[in-house]
Amino acid sequence: MPVNVAPTLGEFLRSRRTRLDPASFGFSGRRRTPGLRREEVAQRANISAAWYTWLEQGRGGAPSAEVLERIGAALMLTDTEREHLFMLGLGRPPEVRYRVVAGVNPRLQRVLDSLDASPAIVKTASWDVVAWNRAAALVLTDYSALPPGERNILRFLFGNPAVRARQHDWESVARFVVGTFRADVARAGLATEVGDLVEDLCRTSPDFERMWRENHVLSHGEGENVKRLMHPELGSLEMEYSLFAVDGRPDVSMLVYTPLQAHTAERIRAMLRASIVDGAAPEARGEAHGY
């Protein structure tokens, strides 16, 4: 018997429906088959039983995104299952669900810590830094010295004169950050959530207001992707940066800076070793140089 490698929407709905325990949803009565009945799913999704039955039978045309959201909630789908539901029903992923990110799990922190000579951070779509490694604290910014609400790249790029002075070309860097920030916010559906941040930056920084009103949209893949920074102890640095998705989430990403010259990497390692010998971690320096 051939295996169906491309299950239909109806098959997927049926498989998710039959795995659920009716008693946990307050449904009773004897059943010939496992799981919820079609009319019970329809009741939970607040749609007609006939419409849901048609969906499982492959009739009635394409459902709307709203209907799929209701069905996904009724079937208690995971985020991955919800995305699969939309791909089957509409041929596209669902709108992004914004989730507040307070930190990262130990597994991801271990990935950051394994990059000894490469500064690396994890940032949200609103450019709040939620995790970093020791090299990032040494080369970029001592994020641990900042209150969580101030660990925002745009805030210290536009509000910290020292950070501005240490950029190789602050204007280009700032324009790039604003353009990619705008794209990240739109992709993650955060226009409302970042309203206060944008208003505050426009009020306190004429440069940000000017660049924001230009409406430029950029991506991390545009340009040469090289970060040039003047560090007070390490001197002039050139690092190539790469952006990586974190667990498939569009609202969180990992930014890694790789030194372009071997001697730069060794200088970073030497400074990290010295900080351990001195008993003072780089996070205790309280310095900000850039992002």
Protein backbone atom coordinates (compact mmCIF):
# COMPACT_ATOMS: atom_id res chain seq x y z
CA MET A 1 0.00 0.00 0.00
CA PRO A 2 1.60 3.33 -1.03
CA VAL A 3 2.46 5.85 1.68
CA ASN A 4 0.90 9.29 1.42
CA VAL A 5 3.90 11.63 1.71
CA ALA A 6 1.73 14.76 1.37
CA PRO A 7 -1.16 14.49 3.84
CA THR A 8 -4.15 16.69 3.19
CA LEU A 9 -5.65 19.25 5.52
CA GLY A 10 -8.49 16.86 6.32
CA GLU A 11 -6.13 14.04 7.20
CA PHE A 12 -4.12 16.28 9.49
CA LEU A 13 -7.22 17.61 11.25
CA ARG A 14 -8.53 14.11 11.74
CA SER A 15 -5.24 12.88 13.21
CA ARG A 16 -5.10 15.78 15.69
CA ARG A 17 -8.78 15.35 16.64
CA THR A 18 -8.52 11.67 17.43
CA ARG A 19 -5.58 12.09 19.81
CA LEU A 20 -7.52 14.31 22.26
CA ASP A 21 -9.19 13.00 25.42
CA PRO A 22 -12.90 13.98 25.44
CA ALA A 23 -13.14 13.78 29.24
CA SER A 24 -10.48 16.47 29.67
CA PHE A 25 -12.75 18.87 27.78
CA GLY A 26 -15.90 17.92 29.69
CA PHE A 27 -17.37 15.70 26.97
CA SER A 28 -18.89 12.38 28.01
CA GLY A 29 -20.74 9.45 26.46
CA ARG A 30 -19.77 6.16 24.86
CA ARG A 31 -17.62 6.37 21.73
CA ARG A 32 -16.82 3.98 18.94
CA THR A 33 -13.63 5.85 17.97
CA PRO A 34 -10.97 7.66 20.03
CA GLY A 35 -10.74 11.40 20.39
CA LEU A 36 -13.23 14.22 19.98
CA ARG A 37 -16.17 14.08 17.63
CA ARG A 38 -16.27 16.53 14.70
CA GLU A 39 -19.15 18.46 16.22
CA GLU A 40 -17.20 18.82 19.47
CA VAL A 41 -14.23 20.35 17.66
CA ALA A 42 -16.64 22.65 15.83
CA GLN A 43 -18.22 23.65 19.13
CA ARG A 44 -14.83 24.47 20.66
CA ALA A 45 -13.84 26.43 17.54
CA ASN A 46 -17.17 28.27 17.39
CA ILE A 47 -17.83 27.24 13.79
CA SER A 48 -20.60 25.14 12.28
CA ALA A 49 -20.30 21.38 12.52
CA ALA A 50 -21.12 21.10 8.80
CA TRP A 51 -18.27 23.45 7.86
CA TYR A 52 -15.76 21.55 9.95
CA THR A 53 -16.96 18.25 8.49
CA TRP A 54 -16.46 19.62 4.98
CA LEU A 55 -12.91 20.64 5.86
CA GLU A 56 -12.06 17.12 7.01
CA GLN A 57 -13.68 15.75 3.85
CA GLY A 58 -11.79 18.14 1.58
CA ARG A 59 -14.87 20.12 0.58
CA GLY A 60 -15.97 23.73 0.97
CA GLY A 61 -12.92 25.53 -0.39
CA ALA A 62 -10.01 27.12 1.47
CA PRO A 63 -10.69 28.19 5.07
CA SER A 64 -9.86 31.67 6.28
CA ALA A 65 -6.96 32.40 8.59
CA GLU A 66 -9.44 33.20 11.37
CA VAL A 67 -11.09 29.80 11.02
CA LEU A 68 -7.72 28.05 11.09
CA GLU A 69 -6.76 29.95 14.23
CA ARG A 70 -9.96 28.85 15.93
CA ILE A 71 -9.49 25.25 14.88
CA GLY A 72 -5.85 25.28 15.97
CA ALA A 73 -6.87 26.53 19.41
CA ALA A 74 -9.71 23.98 19.61
CA LEU A 75 -7.31 21.14 18.81
CA MET A 76 -4.66 22.43 21.24
CA LEU A 77 -2.03 22.56 18.50
CA THR A 78 1.59 23.36 19.26
CA ASP A 79 3.28 26.25 17.44
CA THR A 80 4.82 23.80 14.98
CA GLU A 81 1.48 22.07 14.36
CA ARG A 82 -0.22 25.45 13.96
CA GLU A 83 2.29 26.43 11.27
CA HIS A 84 1.75 23.09 9.52
CA LEU A 85 -2.02 23.63 9.66
CA PHE A 86 -1.66 26.99 7.87
CA MET A 87 0.70 25.55 5.28
CA LEU A 88 -1.82 22.84 4.45
CA GLY A 89 -4.84 25.13 4.54
CA LEU A 90 -3.51 28.35 3.02
CA GLY A 91 -0.07 27.54 1.64
CA ARG A 92 1.63 30.03 3.95
CA PRO A 93 2.69 30.23 7.59
CA PRO A 94 0.47 32.01 10.13
CA GLU A 95 1.06 35.49 11.46
CA VAL A 96 3.82 35.62 14.03
CA ARG A 97 2.82 35.43 17.66
CA TYR A 98 4.85 37.85 19.74
CA ARG A 99 6.23 36.44 22.98
CA VAL A 100 8.15 38.42 25.57
CA VAL A 101 11.70 37.07 25.82
CA ALA A 102 13.35 37.39 29.23
CA GLY A 103 16.38 35.18 28.56
CA VAL A 104 17.52 32.01 26.85
CA ASN A 105 17.64 28.38 27.87
CA PRO A 106 20.91 26.81 29.13
CA ARG A 107 21.39 24.95 25.84
CA LEU A 108 21.56 28.17 23.83
CA GLN A 109 23.77 29.86 26.44
CA ARG A 110 26.22 26.98 26.08
CA VAL A 111 26.32 27.62 22.34
CA LEU A 112 27.17 31.27 23.00
CA ASP A 113 29.83 30.37 25.57
CA SER A 114 31.52 27.93 23.18
CA LEU A 115 32.39 30.83 20.85
CA ASP A 116 35.44 31.94 22.81
CA ALA A 117 36.92 34.53 20.41
CA SER A 118 33.69 35.46 18.62
CA PRO A 119 31.45 37.99 20.34
CA ALA A 120 27.87 36.71 20.14
CA ILE A 121 24.55 37.99 21.37
CA VAL A 122 20.92 36.91 21.21
CA LYS A 123 18.55 39.75 20.42
CA THR A 124 14.82 40.12 20.00
CA ALA A 125 13.08 41.69 17.02
CA SER A 126 12.91 44.93 19.03
CA TRP A 127 16.72 44.73 19.39
CA ASP A 128 16.75 44.01 23.10
CA VAL A 129 19.78 41.90 24.03
CA VAL A 130 18.67 38.93 26.14
CA ALA A 131 21.87 36.83 26.17
CA TRP A 132 25.55 37.22 25.37
CA ASN A 133 28.92 35.55 25.81
CA ARG A 134 32.06 36.80 27.57
CA ALA A 135 33.64 37.93 24.32
CA ALA A 136 30.61 40.15 23.64
CA ALA A 137 30.86 41.70 27.10
CA LEU A 138 34.53 42.43 26.45
CA VAL A 139 34.38 43.66 22.86
CA LEU A 140 30.88 45.09 22.48
CA THR A 141 28.99 46.08 25.61
CA ASP A 142 28.87 45.03 29.24
CA TYR A 143 25.19 44.16 29.10
CA SER A 144 25.18 42.81 32.65
CA ALA A 145 25.94 46.31 33.94
CA LEU A 146 22.74 47.63 32.36
CA PRO A 147 19.23 47.17 33.76
CA PRO A 148 17.24 44.75 31.57
CA GLY A 149 15.08 47.60 30.26
CA GLU A 150 18.16 49.42 28.95
CA ARG A 151 19.79 46.50 27.10
CA ASN A 152 18.51 47.83 23.83
CA ILE A 153 20.93 48.31 20.96
CA LEU A 154 19.15 51.33 19.54
CA ARG A 155 19.11 53.09 22.90
CA PHE A 156 22.86 53.02 23.42
CA LEU A 157 23.70 53.44 19.73
CA PHE A 158 21.69 56.69 19.63
CA GLY A 159 22.04 57.70 23.27
CA ASN A 160 25.61 56.83 24.31
CA PRO A 161 28.30 59.22 23.02
CA ALA A 162 31.07 56.68 23.74
CA VAL A 163 29.40 54.05 21.58
CA ARG A 164 28.96 56.59 18.81
CA ALA A 165 32.60 57.66 18.92
CA ARG A 166 33.93 54.11 18.63
CA GLN A 167 32.09 53.23 15.43
CA HIS A 168 34.15 53.31 12.25
CA ASP A 169 31.32 55.10 10.40
CA TRP A 170 28.55 55.85 12.86
CA GLU A 171 26.16 57.28 10.26
CA SER A 172 26.26 54.14 8.12
CA VAL A 173 26.04 51.86 11.16
CA ALA A 174 23.07 53.74 12.58
CA ARG A 175 21.25 53.85 9.26
CA PHE A 176 21.74 50.10 8.86
CA VAL A 177 20.45 49.39 12.37
CA VAL A 178 17.33 51.51 11.87
CA GLY A 179 16.58 49.89 8.51
CA THR A 180 16.97 46.34 9.78
CA PHE A 181 15.09 47.18 12.99
CA ARG A 182 12.15 48.38 10.90
CA ALA A 183 12.16 45.15 8.87
CA ASP A 184 12.48 42.97 12.00
CA VAL A 185 9.57 44.74 13.68
CA ALA A 186 7.31 44.27 10.65
CA ARG A 187 8.30 40.62 10.22
CA ALA A 188 7.54 39.84 13.85
CA GLY A 189 4.33 41.88 13.95
CA LEU A 190 5.63 44.21 16.68
CA ALA A 191 4.50 47.60 15.34
CA THR A 192 2.30 48.24 18.36
CA GLU A 193 4.70 46.81 20.94
CA VAL A 194 7.64 49.04 19.90
CA GLY A 195 5.58 52.21 19.67
CA ASP A 196 6.83 53.61 22.97
CA LEU A 197 10.45 52.78 22.09
CA VAL A 198 10.23 54.54 18.72
CA GLU A 199 8.50 57.59 20.19
CA ASP A 200 11.09 57.86 22.95
CA LEU A 201 13.99 57.59 20.50
CA CYS A 202 12.43 60.18 18.19
CA ARG A 203 12.01 62.53 21.15
CA THR A 204 15.56 62.13 22.49
CA SER A 205 17.55 61.67 19.27
CA PRO A 206 17.08 63.93 16.22
CA ASP A 207 19.30 61.51 14.27
CA PHE A 208 17.01 58.58 14.98
CA GLU A 209 13.93 60.64 14.10
CA ARG A 210 15.51 61.65 10.80
CA MET A 211 16.47 58.09 9.87
CA TRP A 212 13.15 56.64 11.03
CA ARG A 213 11.18 59.03 8.85
CA GLU A 214 13.24 58.02 5.81
CA ASN A 215 11.42 54.65 5.91
CA HIS A 216 14.40 52.65 4.64
CA VAL A 217 14.12 48.87 5.04
CA LEU A 218 17.25 46.71 5.07
CA SER A 219 18.23 43.13 5.83
CA HIS A 220 21.25 41.66 7.57
CA GLY A 221 22.34 40.05 4.32
CA GLU A 222 22.82 43.36 2.53
CA GLY A 223 26.26 44.96 2.24
CA GLU A 224 29.63 43.53 3.15
CA ASN A 225 28.57 42.40 6.65
CA VAL A 226 31.77 43.64 8.29
CA LYS A 227 31.81 45.39 11.64
CA ARG A 228 34.63 47.88 12.24
CA LEU A 229 35.11 49.06 15.78
CA MET A 230 37.74 51.06 17.68
CA HIS A 231 38.18 49.33 21.02
CA PRO A 232 40.03 51.26 23.79
CA GLU A 233 42.20 48.23 24.71
CA LEU A 234 42.13 45.96 21.66
CA GLY A 235 42.53 48.75 19.12
CA SER A 236 40.99 48.66 15.66
CA LEU A 237 38.85 45.56 15.10
CA GLU A 238 37.35 44.07 11.95
CA MET A 239 34.76 41.35 12.40
CA GLU A 240 32.43 39.64 9.97
CA TYR A 241 28.93 39.18 11.35
CA SER A 242 26.30 36.54 10.66
CA LEU A 243 22.70 36.32 11.84
CA PHE A 244 21.13 32.99 12.78
CA ALA A 245 17.53 32.08 13.56
CA VAL A 246 16.91 30.71 17.03
CA ASP A 247 14.70 27.61 17.14
CA GLY A 248 12.81 28.78 14.07
CA ARG A 249 11.46 31.90 15.80
CA PRO A 250 11.36 35.09 13.68
CA ASP A 251 11.31 37.28 16.79
CA VAL A 252 14.64 36.05 18.20
CA SER A 253 18.03 35.77 16.48
CA MET A 254 21.67 35.15 17.32
CA LEU A 255 24.26 37.60 16.02
CA VAL A 256 27.84 36.29 15.82
CA TYR A 257 30.94 38.37 15.06
CA THR A 258 33.91 36.46 13.65
CA PRO A 259 37.31 38.22 13.71
CA LEU A 260 38.67 38.57 10.18
CA GLN A 261 42.31 38.36 11.26
CA ALA A 262 43.82 35.58 13.35
CA HIS A 263 45.74 38.07 15.50
CA THR A 264 42.45 39.79 16.42
CA ALA A 265 41.00 36.51 17.67
CA GLU A 266 44.14 35.82 19.70
CA ARG A 267 44.05 39.30 21.26
CA ILE A 268 40.46 38.68 22.36
CA ARG A 269 41.40 35.30 23.85
CA ALA A 270 44.41 36.80 25.63
CA MET A 271 42.29 39.55 27.16
CA LEU A 272 39.72 37.02 28.31
CA ARG A 273 42.45 34.89 29.90
CA ALA A 274 43.89 37.93 31.63
CA SER A 275 40.51 38.81 33.09
CA ILE A 276 40.23 35.32 34.56
CA VAL A 277 43.72 35.51 36.08
CA ASP A 278 42.95 38.93 37.56
CA GLY A 279 39.72 37.61 38.95
CA ALA A 280 37.68 40.27 37.18
CA ALA A 281 35.31 39.03 34.52
CA PRO A 282 34.88 41.31 31.52
CA GLU A 283 31.23 41.70 32.50
CA ALA A 284 32.40 43.68 35.55
CA ARG A 285 34.01 46.40 33.48
CA GLY A 286 30.77 48.30 32.95
CA GLU A 287 31.79 49.47 29.48
CA ALA A 288 29.87 49.99 26.24
CA HIS A 289 31.63 50.08 22.89
CA GLY A 290 28.99 49.10 20.37
CA TYR A 291 26.80 46.24 19.29
